[in-house]
Amino acid sequence: MILSEKKREELVNIGGEKFFLDLLDQFHQQSLTILSDLTTAIEHGQTEKARGLLHKLKGSCLTMGAEDLATTVIELYQGVSTGKTLTAADVGSIRAALDTFQQHKDSLRPR
């Protein structure tokens, strides 16, 4: 599931549909920044920094209910926590999941 319907309902109940959509936009922008920082950390062999960025992104995904994206990030986070070295392909898998999330997010906006 790209986006948890339960989480959507919770956030809409807090501030309305526009609030929810604005949060999704902010989450998407923040995620892009984290991906950029993650790429830099990988390029410089900064494993602990990369692990921290994955942890931050994981928390954001779970908070927003971005379930598919969270699954991808959690798998990578667990791998890094057990000694796996992150690669550009790993960042690519996050980017692909984020692109799918963005398409879904865009489909929620009224035309």
PDB file of N, CA and C in Angstrom:
ATOM      1  N   MET A   1       0.855  -1.167   0.000  1.00  0.00           N
ATOM      2  CA  MET A   1       0.000   0.000   0.000  1.00  0.00           C
ATOM      3  C   MET A   1       0.905   1.235   0.000  1.00  0.00           C
ATOM      4  N   ILE A   2       0.634   2.114  -0.910  1.00  0.00           N
ATOM      5  CA  ILE A   2       1.452   3.321  -1.035  1.00  0.00           C
ATOM      6  C   ILE A   2       1.249   4.240   0.161  1.00  0.00           C
ATOM      7  N   LEU A   3       0.005   4.446   0.538  1.00  0.00           N
ATOM      8  CA  LEU A   3      -0.307   5.369   1.619  1.00  0.00           C
ATOM      9  C   LEU A   3      -1.401   4.765   2.491  1.00  0.00           C
ATOM     10  N   SER A   4      -1.144   4.720   3.773  1.00  0.00           N
ATOM     11  CA  SER A   4      -2.099   4.156   4.723  1.00  0.00           C
ATOM     12  C   SER A   4      -3.365   5.009   4.776  1.00  0.00           C
ATOM     13  N   GLU A   5      -4.478   4.365   4.506  1.00  0.00           N
ATOM     14  CA  GLU A   5      -5.754   5.083   4.565  1.00  0.00           C
ATOM     15  C   GLU A   5      -6.065   5.509   6.002  1.00  0.00           C
ATOM     16  N   LYS A   6      -5.693   4.670   6.951  1.00  0.00           N
ATOM     17  CA  LYS A   6      -5.921   5.008   8.363  1.00  0.00           C
ATOM     18  C   LYS A   6      -5.145   6.268   8.750  1.00  0.00           C
ATOM     19  N   LYS A   7      -3.876   6.332   8.331  1.00  0.00           N
ATOM     20  CA  LYS A   7      -3.058   7.508   8.640  1.00  0.00           C
ATOM     21  C   LYS A   7      -3.627   8.740   7.945  1.00  0.00           C
ATOM     22  N   ARG A   8      -4.094   8.568   6.713  1.00  0.00           N
ATOM     23  CA  ARG A   8      -4.693   9.691   5.994  1.00  0.00           C
ATOM     24  C   ARG A   8      -5.897  10.222   6.769  1.00  0.00           C
ATOM     25  N   GLU A   9      -6.764   9.330   7.195  1.00  0.00           N
ATOM     26  CA  GLU A   9      -7.947   9.741   7.952  1.00  0.00           C
ATOM     27  C   GLU A   9      -7.552  10.480   9.225  1.00  0.00           C
ATOM     28  N   GLU A  10      -6.532   9.976   9.923  1.00  0.00           N
ATOM     29  CA  GLU A  10      -6.074  10.634  11.156  1.00  0.00           C
ATOM     30  C   GLU A  10      -5.619  12.057  10.872  1.00  0.00           C
ATOM     31  N   LEU A  11      -4.803  12.220   9.833  1.00  0.00           N
ATOM     32  CA  LEU A  11      -4.260  13.541   9.528  1.00  0.00           C
ATOM     33  C   LEU A  11      -5.334  14.487   8.990  1.00  0.00           C
ATOM     34  N   VAL A  12      -6.254  13.979   8.185  1.00  0.00           N
ATOM     35  CA  VAL A  12      -7.357  14.817   7.697  1.00  0.00           C
ATOM     36  C   VAL A  12      -8.228  15.262   8.865  1.00  0.00           C
ATOM     37  N   ASN A  13      -8.463  14.368   9.820  1.00  0.00           N
ATOM     38  CA  ASN A  13      -9.263  14.726  10.992  1.00  0.00           C
ATOM     39  C   ASN A  13      -8.587  15.804  11.829  1.00  0.00           C
ATOM     40  N   ILE A  14      -7.275  15.837  11.824  1.00  0.00           N
ATOM     41  CA  ILE A  14      -6.543  16.855  12.596  1.00  0.00           C
ATOM     42  C   ILE A  14      -6.686  18.234  11.955  1.00  0.00           C
ATOM     43  N   GLY A  15      -6.490  18.300  10.626  1.00  0.00           N
ATOM     44  CA  GLY A  15      -6.449  19.632  10.026  1.00  0.00           C
ATOM     45  C   GLY A  15      -7.158  19.799   8.704  1.00  0.00           C
ATOM     46  N   GLY A  16      -7.816  18.782   8.231  1.00  0.00           N
ATOM     47  CA  GLY A  16      -8.520  18.891   6.960  1.00  0.00           C
ATOM     48  C   GLY A  16      -7.697  18.371   5.790  1.00  0.00           C
ATOM     49  N   GLU A  17      -8.340  18.286   4.650  1.00  0.00           N
ATOM     50  CA  GLU A  17      -7.713  17.715   3.452  1.00  0.00           C
ATOM     51  C   GLU A  17      -6.524  18.547   2.978  1.00  0.00           C
ATOM     52  N   LYS A  18      -6.671  19.878   2.960  1.00  0.00           N
ATOM     53  CA  LYS A  18      -5.565  20.729   2.507  1.00  0.00           C
ATOM     54  C   LYS A  18      -4.354  20.558   3.425  1.00  0.00           C
ATOM     55  N   PHE A  19      -4.575  20.499   4.715  1.00  0.00           N
ATOM     56  CA  PHE A  19      -3.497  20.270   5.683  1.00  0.00           C
ATOM     57  C   PHE A  19      -2.772  18.969   5.362  1.00  0.00           C
ATOM     58  N   PHE A  20      -3.540  17.920   5.124  1.00  0.00           N
ATOM     59  CA  PHE A  20      -2.966  16.620   4.810  1.00  0.00           C
ATOM     60  C   PHE A  20      -2.121  16.687   3.531  1.00  0.00           C
ATOM     61  N   LEU A  21      -2.662  17.291   2.489  1.00  0.00           N
ATOM     62  CA  LEU A  21      -1.930  17.384   1.226  1.00  0.00           C
ATOM     63  C   LEU A  21      -0.672  18.240   1.362  1.00  0.00           C
ATOM     64  N   ASP A  22      -0.766  19.297   2.136  1.00  0.00           N
ATOM     65  CA  ASP A  22       0.419  20.133   2.385  1.00  0.00           C
ATOM     66  C   ASP A  22       1.493  19.347   3.146  1.00  0.00           C
ATOM     67  N   LEU A  23       1.065  18.529   4.111  1.00  0.00           N
ATOM     68  CA  LEU A  23       2.020  17.679   4.830  1.00  0.00           C
ATOM     69  C   LEU A  23       2.710  16.700   3.883  1.00  0.00           C
ATOM     70  N   LEU A  24       1.943  16.133   2.963  1.00  0.00           N
ATOM     71  CA  LEU A  24       2.533  15.216   1.990  1.00  0.00           C
ATOM     72  C   LEU A  24       3.580  15.920   1.138  1.00  0.00           C
ATOM     73  N   ASP A  25       3.290  17.156   0.738  1.00  0.00           N
ATOM     74  CA  ASP A  25       4.255  17.935  -0.041  1.00  0.00           C
ATOM     75  C   ASP A  25       5.533  18.181   0.766  1.00  0.00           C
ATOM     76  N   GLN A  26       5.369  18.556   2.023  1.00  0.00           N
ATOM     77  CA  GLN A  26       6.531  18.805   2.885  1.00  0.00           C
ATOM     78  C   GLN A  26       7.342  17.529   3.087  1.00  0.00           C
ATOM     79  N   PHE A  27       6.646  16.434   3.314  1.00  0.00           N
ATOM     80  CA  PHE A  27       7.307  15.145   3.483  1.00  0.00           C
ATOM     81  C   PHE A  27       8.107  14.789   2.230  1.00  0.00           C
ATOM     82  N   HIS A  28       7.515  15.000   1.077  1.00  0.00           N
ATOM     83  CA  HIS A  28       8.195  14.681  -0.179  1.00  0.00           C
ATOM     84  C   HIS A  28       9.463  15.520  -0.332  1.00  0.00           C
ATOM     85  N   GLN A  29       9.360  16.813  -0.074  1.00  0.00           N
ATOM     86  CA  GLN A  29      10.532  17.689  -0.188  1.00  0.00           C
ATOM     87  C   GLN A  29      11.624  17.296   0.808  1.00  0.00           C
ATOM     88  N   GLN A  30      11.224  17.008   2.035  1.00  0.00           N
ATOM     89  CA  GLN A  30      12.184  16.587   3.057  1.00  0.00           C
ATOM     90  C   GLN A  30      12.859  15.286   2.641  1.00  0.00           C
ATOM     91  N   SER A  31      12.098  14.381   2.082  1.00  0.00           N
ATOM     92  CA  SER A  31      12.647  13.090   1.656  1.00  0.00           C
ATOM     93  C   SER A  31      13.675  13.272   0.547  1.00  0.00           C
ATOM     94  N   LEU A  32      13.414  14.186  -0.378  1.00  0.00           N
ATOM     95  CA  LEU A  32      14.382  14.464  -1.439  1.00  0.00           C
ATOM     96  C   LEU A  32      15.683  15.012  -0.870  1.00  0.00           C
ATOM     97  N   THR A  33      15.581  15.875   0.126  1.00  0.00           N
ATOM     98  CA  THR A  33      16.774  16.414   0.781  1.00  0.00           C
ATOM     99  C   THR A  33      17.544  15.306   1.478  1.00  0.00           C
ATOM    100  N   ILE A  34      16.850  14.434   2.171  1.00  0.00           N
ATOM    101  CA  ILE A  34      17.500  13.310   2.852  1.00  0.00           C
ATOM    102  C   ILE A  34      18.186  12.407   1.832  1.00  0.00           C
ATOM    103  N   LEU A  35      17.545  12.158   0.697  1.00  0.00           N
ATOM    104  CA  LEU A  35      18.165  11.328  -0.338  1.00  0.00           C
ATOM    105  C   LEU A  35      19.450  11.949  -0.865  1.00  0.00           C
ATOM    106  N   SER A  36      19.436  13.240  -1.052  1.00  0.00           N
ATOM    107  CA  SER A  36      20.644  13.938  -1.490  1.00  0.00           C
ATOM    108  C   SER A  36      21.757  13.792  -0.452  1.00  0.00           C
ATOM    109  N   ASP A  37      21.413  14.001   0.803  1.00  0.00           N
ATOM    110  CA  ASP A  37      22.387  13.860   1.883  1.00  0.00           C
ATOM    111  C   ASP A  37      22.874  12.413   1.995  1.00  0.00           C
ATOM    112  N   LEU A  38      21.986  11.467   1.779  1.00  0.00           N
ATOM    113  CA  LEU A  38      22.340  10.051   1.839  1.00  0.00           C
ATOM    114  C   LEU A  38      23.327   9.702   0.726  1.00  0.00           C
ATOM    115  N   THR A  39      23.082  10.216  -0.463  1.00  0.00           N
ATOM    116  CA  THR A  39      23.998   9.983  -1.587  1.00  0.00           C
ATOM    117  C   THR A  39      25.389  10.508  -1.252  1.00  0.00           C
ATOM    118  N   THR A  40      25.447  11.691  -0.698  1.00  0.00           N
ATOM    119  CA  THR A  40      26.732  12.293  -0.313  1.00  0.00           C
ATOM    120  C   THR A  40      27.421  11.450   0.756  1.00  0.00           C
ATOM    121  N   ALA A  41      26.676  11.006   1.742  1.00  0.00           N
ATOM    122  CA  ALA A  41      27.247  10.180   2.811  1.00  0.00           C
ATOM    123  C   ALA A  41      27.819   8.882   2.249  1.00  0.00           C
ATOM    124  N   ILE A  42      27.113   8.259   1.323  1.00  0.00           N
ATOM    125  CA  ILE A  42      27.589   7.016   0.713  1.00  0.00           C
ATOM    126  C   ILE A  42      28.863   7.280  -0.079  1.00  0.00           C
ATOM    127  N   GLU A  43      28.864   8.347  -0.854  1.00  0.00           N
ATOM    128  CA  GLU A  43      30.039   8.691  -1.661  1.00  0.00           C
ATOM    129  C   GLU A  43      31.276   8.930  -0.801  1.00  0.00           C
ATOM    130  N   HIS A  44      31.071   9.405   0.427  1.00  0.00           N
ATOM    131  CA  HIS A  44      32.193   9.706   1.315  1.00  0.00           C
ATOM    132  C   HIS A  44      32.435   8.614   2.354  1.00  0.00           C
ATOM    133  N   GLY A  45      31.757   7.489   2.202  1.00  0.00           N
ATOM    134  CA  GLY A  45      31.959   6.367   3.114  1.00  0.00           C
ATOM    135  C   GLY A  45      31.525   6.648   4.542  1.00  0.00           C
ATOM    136  N   GLN A  46      30.559   7.514   4.716  1.00  0.00           N
ATOM    137  CA  GLN A  46      30.074   7.900   6.046  1.00  0.00           C
ATOM    138  C   GLN A  46      28.907   6.996   6.451  1.00  0.00           C
ATOM    139  N   THR A  47      29.240   5.795   6.860  1.00  0.00           N
ATOM    140  CA  THR A  47      28.235   4.783   7.158  1.00  0.00           C
ATOM    141  C   THR A  47      27.303   5.200   8.285  1.00  0.00           C
ATOM    142  N   GLU A  48      27.841   5.736   9.361  1.00  0.00           N
ATOM    143  CA  GLU A  48      26.986   6.127  10.488  1.00  0.00           C
ATOM    144  C   GLU A  48      26.061   7.275  10.123  1.00  0.00           C
ATOM    145  N   LYS A  49      26.567   8.202   9.336  1.00  0.00           N
ATOM    146  CA  LYS A  49      25.703   9.302   8.884  1.00  0.00           C
ATOM    147  C   LYS A  49      24.588   8.745   7.998  1.00  0.00           C
ATOM    148  N   ALA A  50      24.949   7.828   7.100  1.00  0.00           N
ATOM    149  CA  ALA A  50      23.940   7.209   6.227  1.00  0.00           C
ATOM    150  C   ALA A  50      22.895   6.472   7.059  1.00  0.00           C
ATOM    151  N   ARG A  51      23.341   5.753   8.057  1.00  0.00           N
ATOM    152  CA  ARG A  51      22.427   5.020   8.939  1.00  0.00           C
ATOM    153  C   ARG A  51      21.470   5.992   9.642  1.00  0.00           C
ATOM    154  N   GLY A  52      21.998   7.112  10.125  1.00  0.00           N
ATOM    155  CA  GLY A  52      21.176   8.125  10.782  1.00  0.00           C
ATOM    156  C   GLY A  52      20.153   8.740   9.834  1.00  0.00           C
ATOM    157  N   LEU A  53      20.557   8.968   8.595  1.00  0.00           N
ATOM    158  CA  LEU A  53      19.628   9.519   7.602  1.00  0.00           C
ATOM    159  C   LEU A  53      18.520   8.522   7.272  1.00  0.00           C
ATOM    160  N   LEU A  54      18.880   7.245   7.173  1.00  0.00           N
ATOM    161  CA  LEU A  54      17.860   6.216   6.939  1.00  0.00           C
ATOM    162  C   LEU A  54      16.890   6.150   8.115  1.00  0.00           C
ATOM    163  N   HIS A  55      17.421   6.273   9.315  1.00  0.00           N
ATOM    164  CA  HIS A  55      16.571   6.250  10.508  1.00  0.00           C
ATOM    165  C   HIS A  55      15.583   7.422  10.481  1.00  0.00           C
ATOM    166  N   LYS A  56      16.076   8.590  10.125  1.00  0.00           N
ATOM    167  CA  LYS A  56      15.232   9.789  10.045  1.00  0.00           C
ATOM    168  C   LYS A  56      14.148   9.601   8.984  1.00  0.00           C
ATOM    169  N   LEU A  57      14.543   9.084   7.810  1.00  0.00           N
ATOM    170  CA  LEU A  57      13.575   8.881   6.740  1.00  0.00           C
ATOM    171  C   LEU A  57      12.561   7.815   7.119  1.00  0.00           C
ATOM    172  N   LYS A  58      13.014   6.779   7.784  1.00  0.00           N
ATOM    173  CA  LYS A  58      12.118   5.708   8.239  1.00  0.00           C
ATOM    174  C   LYS A  58      11.029   6.289   9.145  1.00  0.00           C
ATOM    175  N   GLY A  59      11.430   7.103  10.100  1.00  0.00           N
ATOM    176  CA  GLY A  59      10.468   7.714  11.015  1.00  0.00           C
ATOM    177  C   GLY A  59       9.469   8.599  10.296  1.00  0.00           C
ATOM    178  N   SER A  60       9.949   9.376   9.347  1.00  0.00           N
ATOM    179  CA  SER A  60       9.059  10.255   8.578  1.00  0.00           C
ATOM    180  C   SER A  60       8.057   9.440   7.760  1.00  0.00           C
ATOM    181  N   CYS A  61       8.547   8.372   7.147  1.00  0.00           N
ATOM    182  CA  CYS A  61       7.658   7.510   6.349  1.00  0.00           C
ATOM    183  C   CYS A  61       6.552   6.927   7.212  1.00  0.00           C
ATOM    184  N   LEU A  62       6.921   6.442   8.373  1.00  0.00           N
ATOM    185  CA  LEU A  62       5.937   5.827   9.258  1.00  0.00           C
ATOM    186  C   LEU A  62       4.943   6.865   9.781  1.00  0.00           C
ATOM    187  N   THR A  63       5.428   8.050  10.081  1.00  0.00           N
ATOM    188  CA  THR A  63       4.556   9.123  10.560  1.00  0.00           C
ATOM    189  C   THR A  63       3.532   9.516   9.500  1.00  0.00           C
ATOM    190  N   MET A  64       3.956   9.550   8.241  1.00  0.00           N
ATOM    191  CA  MET A  64       3.073   9.956   7.148  1.00  0.00           C
ATOM    192  C   MET A  64       2.238   8.802   6.601  1.00  0.00           C
ATOM    193  N   GLY A  65       2.571   7.584   6.989  1.00  0.00           N
ATOM    194  CA  GLY A  65       1.820   6.437   6.479  1.00  0.00           C
ATOM    195  C   GLY A  65       2.236   6.023   5.081  1.00  0.00           C
ATOM    196  N   ALA A  66       3.448   6.393   4.683  1.00  0.00           N
ATOM    197  CA  ALA A  66       3.982   6.013   3.371  1.00  0.00           C
ATOM    198  C   ALA A  66       4.533   4.587   3.476  1.00  0.00           C
ATOM    199  N   GLU A  67       3.640   3.631   3.416  1.00  0.00           N
ATOM    200  CA  GLU A  67       3.970   2.253   3.779  1.00  0.00           C
ATOM    201  C   GLU A  67       4.978   1.583   2.848  1.00  0.00           C
ATOM    202  N   ASP A  68       4.797   1.678   1.540  1.00  0.00           N
ATOM    203  CA  ASP A  68       5.742   1.037   0.620  1.00  0.00           C
ATOM    204  C   ASP A  68       7.127   1.654   0.744  1.00  0.00           C
ATOM    205  N   LEU A  69       7.171   2.955   0.830  1.00  0.00           N
ATOM    206  CA  LEU A  69       8.444   3.654   0.991  1.00  0.00           C
ATOM    207  C   LEU A  69       9.094   3.263   2.314  1.00  0.00           C
ATOM    208  N   ALA A  70       8.301   3.182   3.365  1.00  0.00           N
ATOM    209  CA  ALA A  70       8.819   2.782   4.679  1.00  0.00           C
ATOM    210  C   ALA A  70       9.421   1.387   4.621  1.00  0.00           C
ATOM    211  N   THR A  71       8.772   0.471   3.930  1.00  0.00           N
ATOM    212  CA  THR A  71       9.282  -0.897   3.823  1.00  0.00           C
ATOM    213  C   THR A  71      10.659  -0.904   3.169  1.00  0.00           C
ATOM    214  N   THR A  72      10.819  -0.169   2.098  1.00  0.00           N
ATOM    215  CA  THR A  72      12.111  -0.081   1.407  1.00  0.00           C
ATOM    216  C   THR A  72      13.182   0.481   2.335  1.00  0.00           C
ATOM    217  N   VAL A  73      12.864   1.558   3.022  1.00  0.00           N
ATOM    218  CA  VAL A  73      13.831   2.215   3.904  1.00  0.00           C
ATOM    219  C   VAL A  73      14.173   1.314   5.096  1.00  0.00           C
ATOM    220  N   ILE A  74      13.186   0.657   5.664  1.00  0.00           N
ATOM    221  CA  ILE A  74      13.423  -0.223   6.804  1.00  0.00           C
ATOM    222  C   ILE A  74      14.361  -1.360   6.423  1.00  0.00           C
ATOM    223  N   GLU A  75      14.158  -1.952   5.255  1.00  0.00           N
ATOM    224  CA  GLU A  75      15.029  -3.041   4.807  1.00  0.00           C
ATOM    225  C   GLU A  75      16.475  -2.564   4.686  1.00  0.00           C
ATOM    226  N   LEU A  76      16.675  -1.384   4.127  1.00  0.00           N
ATOM    227  CA  LEU A  76      18.030  -0.846   3.992  1.00  0.00           C
ATOM    228  C   LEU A  76      18.615  -0.483   5.354  1.00  0.00           C
ATOM    229  N   TYR A  77      17.794   0.096   6.208  1.00  0.00           N
ATOM    230  CA  TYR A  77      18.242   0.463   7.554  1.00  0.00           C
ATOM    231  C   TYR A  77      18.694  -0.776   8.316  1.00  0.00           C
ATOM    232  N   GLN A  78      17.912  -1.838   8.238  1.00  0.00           N
ATOM    233  CA  GLN A  78      18.282  -3.077   8.929  1.00  0.00           C
ATOM    234  C   GLN A  78      19.566  -3.655   8.346  1.00  0.00           C
ATOM    235  N   GLY A  79      19.719  -3.561   7.038  1.00  0.00           N
ATOM    236  CA  GLY A  79      20.938  -4.042   6.403  1.00  0.00           C
ATOM    237  C   GLY A  79      22.164  -3.286   6.885  1.00  0.00           C
ATOM    238  N   VAL A  80      22.063  -1.967   6.915  1.00  0.00           N
ATOM    239  CA  VAL A  80      23.186  -1.144   7.387  1.00  0.00           C
ATOM    240  C   VAL A  80      23.478  -1.443   8.848  1.00  0.00           C
ATOM    241  N   SER A  81      22.451  -1.671   9.624  1.00  0.00           N
ATOM    242  CA  SER A  81      22.630  -1.958  11.047  1.00  0.00           C
ATOM    243  C   SER A  81      23.345  -3.289  11.279  1.00  0.00           C
ATOM    244  N   THR A  82      23.323  -4.158  10.268  1.00  0.00           N
ATOM    245  CA  THR A  82      24.011  -5.451  10.407  1.00  0.00           C
ATOM    246  C   THR A  82      25.276  -5.509   9.569  1.00  0.00           C
ATOM    247  N   GLY A  83      25.727  -4.349   9.085  1.00  0.00           N
ATOM    248  CA  GLY A  83      27.017  -4.285   8.413  1.00  0.00           C
ATOM    249  C   GLY A  83      27.002  -4.160   6.903  1.00  0.00           C
ATOM    250  N   LYS A  84      25.833  -4.112   6.283  1.00  0.00           N
ATOM    251  CA  LYS A  84      25.762  -3.965   4.831  1.00  0.00           C
ATOM    252  C   LYS A  84      26.250  -2.575   4.429  1.00  0.00           C
ATOM    253  N   THR A  85      26.979  -2.514   3.349  1.00  0.00           N
ATOM    254  CA  THR A  85      27.422  -1.242   2.806  1.00  0.00           C
ATOM    255  C   THR A  85      26.393  -0.752   1.799  1.00  0.00           C
ATOM    256  N   LEU A  86      25.952   0.471   1.960  1.00  0.00           N
ATOM    257  CA  LEU A  86      24.981   1.049   1.040  1.00  0.00           C
ATOM    258  C   LEU A  86      25.644   1.407  -0.281  1.00  0.00           C
ATOM    259  N   THR A  87      24.872   1.314  -1.345  1.00  0.00           N
ATOM    260  CA  THR A  87      25.359   1.660  -2.673  1.00  0.00           C
ATOM    261  C   THR A  87      24.417   2.669  -3.323  1.00  0.00           C
ATOM    262  N   ALA A  88      24.829   3.170  -4.467  1.00  0.00           N
ATOM    263  CA  ALA A  88      23.974   4.076  -5.228  1.00  0.00           C
ATOM    264  C   ALA A  88      22.687   3.364  -5.647  1.00  0.00           C
ATOM    265  N   ALA A  89      22.760   2.063  -5.886  1.00  0.00           N
ATOM    266  CA  ALA A  89      21.560   1.298  -6.252  1.00  0.00           C
ATOM    267  C   ALA A  89      20.548   1.295  -5.110  1.00  0.00           C
ATOM    268  N   ASP A  90      21.040   1.267  -3.871  1.00  0.00           N
ATOM    269  CA  ASP A  90      20.137   1.322  -2.714  1.00  0.00           C
ATOM    270  C   ASP A  90      19.396   2.651  -2.680  1.00  0.00           C
ATOM    271  N   VAL A  91      20.117   3.728  -2.939  1.00  0.00           N
ATOM    272  CA  VAL A  91      19.479   5.041  -2.997  1.00  0.00           C
ATOM    273  C   VAL A  91      18.472   5.061  -4.152  1.00  0.00           C
ATOM    274  N   GLY A  92      18.823   4.398  -5.249  1.00  0.00           N
ATOM    275  CA  GLY A  92      17.914   4.305  -6.390  1.00  0.00           C
ATOM    276  C   GLY A  92      16.619   3.601  -6.035  1.00  0.00           C
ATOM    277  N   SER A  93      16.691   2.577  -5.186  1.00  0.00           N
ATOM    278  CA  SER A  93      15.473   1.873  -4.787  1.00  0.00           C
ATOM    279  C   SER A  93      14.582   2.773  -3.931  1.00  0.00           C
ATOM    280  N   ILE A  94      15.199   3.600  -3.104  1.00  0.00           N
ATOM    281  CA  ILE A  94      14.421   4.557  -2.315  1.00  0.00           C
ATOM    282  C   ILE A  94      13.805   5.598  -3.250  1.00  0.00           C
ATOM    283  N   ARG A  95      14.595   6.073  -4.192  1.00  0.00           N
ATOM    284  CA  ARG A  95      14.108   7.085  -5.127  1.00  0.00           C
ATOM    285  C   ARG A  95      12.927   6.541  -5.945  1.00  0.00           C
ATOM    286  N   ALA A  96      13.004   5.288  -6.371  1.00  0.00           N
ATOM    287  CA  ALA A  96      11.902   4.691  -7.135  1.00  0.00           C
ATOM    288  C   ALA A  96      10.634   4.620  -6.281  1.00  0.00           C
ATOM    289  N   ALA A  97      10.783   4.213  -5.025  1.00  0.00           N
ATOM    290  CA  ALA A  97       9.622   4.151  -4.128  1.00  0.00           C
ATOM    291  C   ALA A  97       9.080   5.556  -3.865  1.00  0.00           C
ATOM    292  N   LEU A  98       9.965   6.531  -3.761  1.00  0.00           N
ATOM    293  CA  LEU A  98       9.535   7.918  -3.548  1.00  0.00           C
ATOM    294  C   LEU A  98       8.826   8.462  -4.790  1.00  0.00           C
ATOM    295  N   ASP A  99       9.300   8.079  -5.974  1.00  0.00           N
ATOM    296  CA  ASP A  99       8.632   8.504  -7.209  1.00  0.00           C
ATOM    297  C   ASP A  99       7.209   7.946  -7.273  1.00  0.00           C
ATOM    298  N   THR A 100       7.048   6.686  -6.880  1.00  0.00           N
ATOM    299  CA  THR A 100       5.713   6.075  -6.845  1.00  0.00           C
ATOM    300  C   THR A 100       4.832   6.809  -5.842  1.00  0.00           C
ATOM    301  N   PHE A 101       5.417   7.145  -4.687  1.00  0.00           N
ATOM    302  CA  PHE A 101       4.689   7.904  -3.675  1.00  0.00           C
ATOM    303  C   PHE A 101       4.256   9.258  -4.250  1.00  0.00           C
ATOM    304  N   GLN A 102       5.157   9.930  -4.953  1.00  0.00           N
ATOM    305  CA  GLN A 102       4.836  11.240  -5.510  1.00  0.00           C
ATOM    306  C   GLN A 102       3.689  11.137  -6.518  1.00  0.00           C
ATOM    307  N   GLN A 103       3.716  10.122  -7.358  1.00  0.00           N
ATOM    308  CA  GLN A 103       2.635   9.957  -8.327  1.00  0.00           C
ATOM    309  C   GLN A 103       1.296   9.768  -7.613  1.00  0.00           C
ATOM    310  N   HIS A 104       1.316   8.973  -6.561  1.00  0.00           N
ATOM    311  CA  HIS A 104       0.093   8.755  -5.788  1.00  0.00           C
ATOM    312  C   HIS A 104      -0.350  10.066  -5.122  1.00  0.00           C
ATOM    313  N   LYS A 105       0.607  10.768  -4.534  1.00  0.00           N
ATOM    314  CA  LYS A 105       0.326  12.053  -3.880  1.00  0.00           C
ATOM    315  C   LYS A 105      -0.292  13.028  -4.883  1.00  0.00           C
ATOM    316  N   ASP A 106       0.288  13.104  -6.068  1.00  0.00           N
ATOM    317  CA  ASP A 106      -0.221  14.021  -7.089  1.00  0.00           C
ATOM    318  C   ASP A 106      -1.640  13.649  -7.517  1.00  0.00           C
ATOM    319  N   SER A 107      -1.946  12.362  -7.498  1.00  0.00           N
ATOM    320  CA  SER A 107      -3.293  11.926  -7.899  1.00  0.00           C
ATOM    321  C   SER A 107      -4.348  12.311  -6.875  1.00  0.00           C
ATOM    322  N   LEU A 108      -3.926  12.631  -5.658  1.00  0.00           N
ATOM    323  CA  LEU A 108      -4.868  13.020  -4.605  1.00  0.00           C
ATOM    324  C   LEU A 108      -5.305  14.484  -4.707  1.00  0.00           C
ATOM    325  N   ARG A 109      -4.517  15.272  -5.422  1.00  0.00           N
ATOM    326  CA  ARG A 109      -4.824  16.701  -5.555  1.00  0.00           C
ATOM    327  C   ARG A 109      -5.993  16.896  -6.518  1.00  0.00           C
ATOM    328  N   PRO A 110      -6.919  17.766  -6.153  1.00  0.00           N
ATOM    329  CA  PRO A 110      -8.017  18.064  -7.081  1.00  0.00           C
ATOM    330  C   PRO A 110      -7.473  18.747  -8.333  1.00  0.00           C
ATOM    331  N   ARG A 111      -8.054  18.437  -9.439  1.00  0.00           N
ATOM    332  CA  ARG A 111      -7.604  19.002 -10.730  1.00  0.00           C
ATOM    333  C   ARG A 111      -8.407  20.222 -11.075  1.00  0.00           C
TER     334      ARG A 111
END
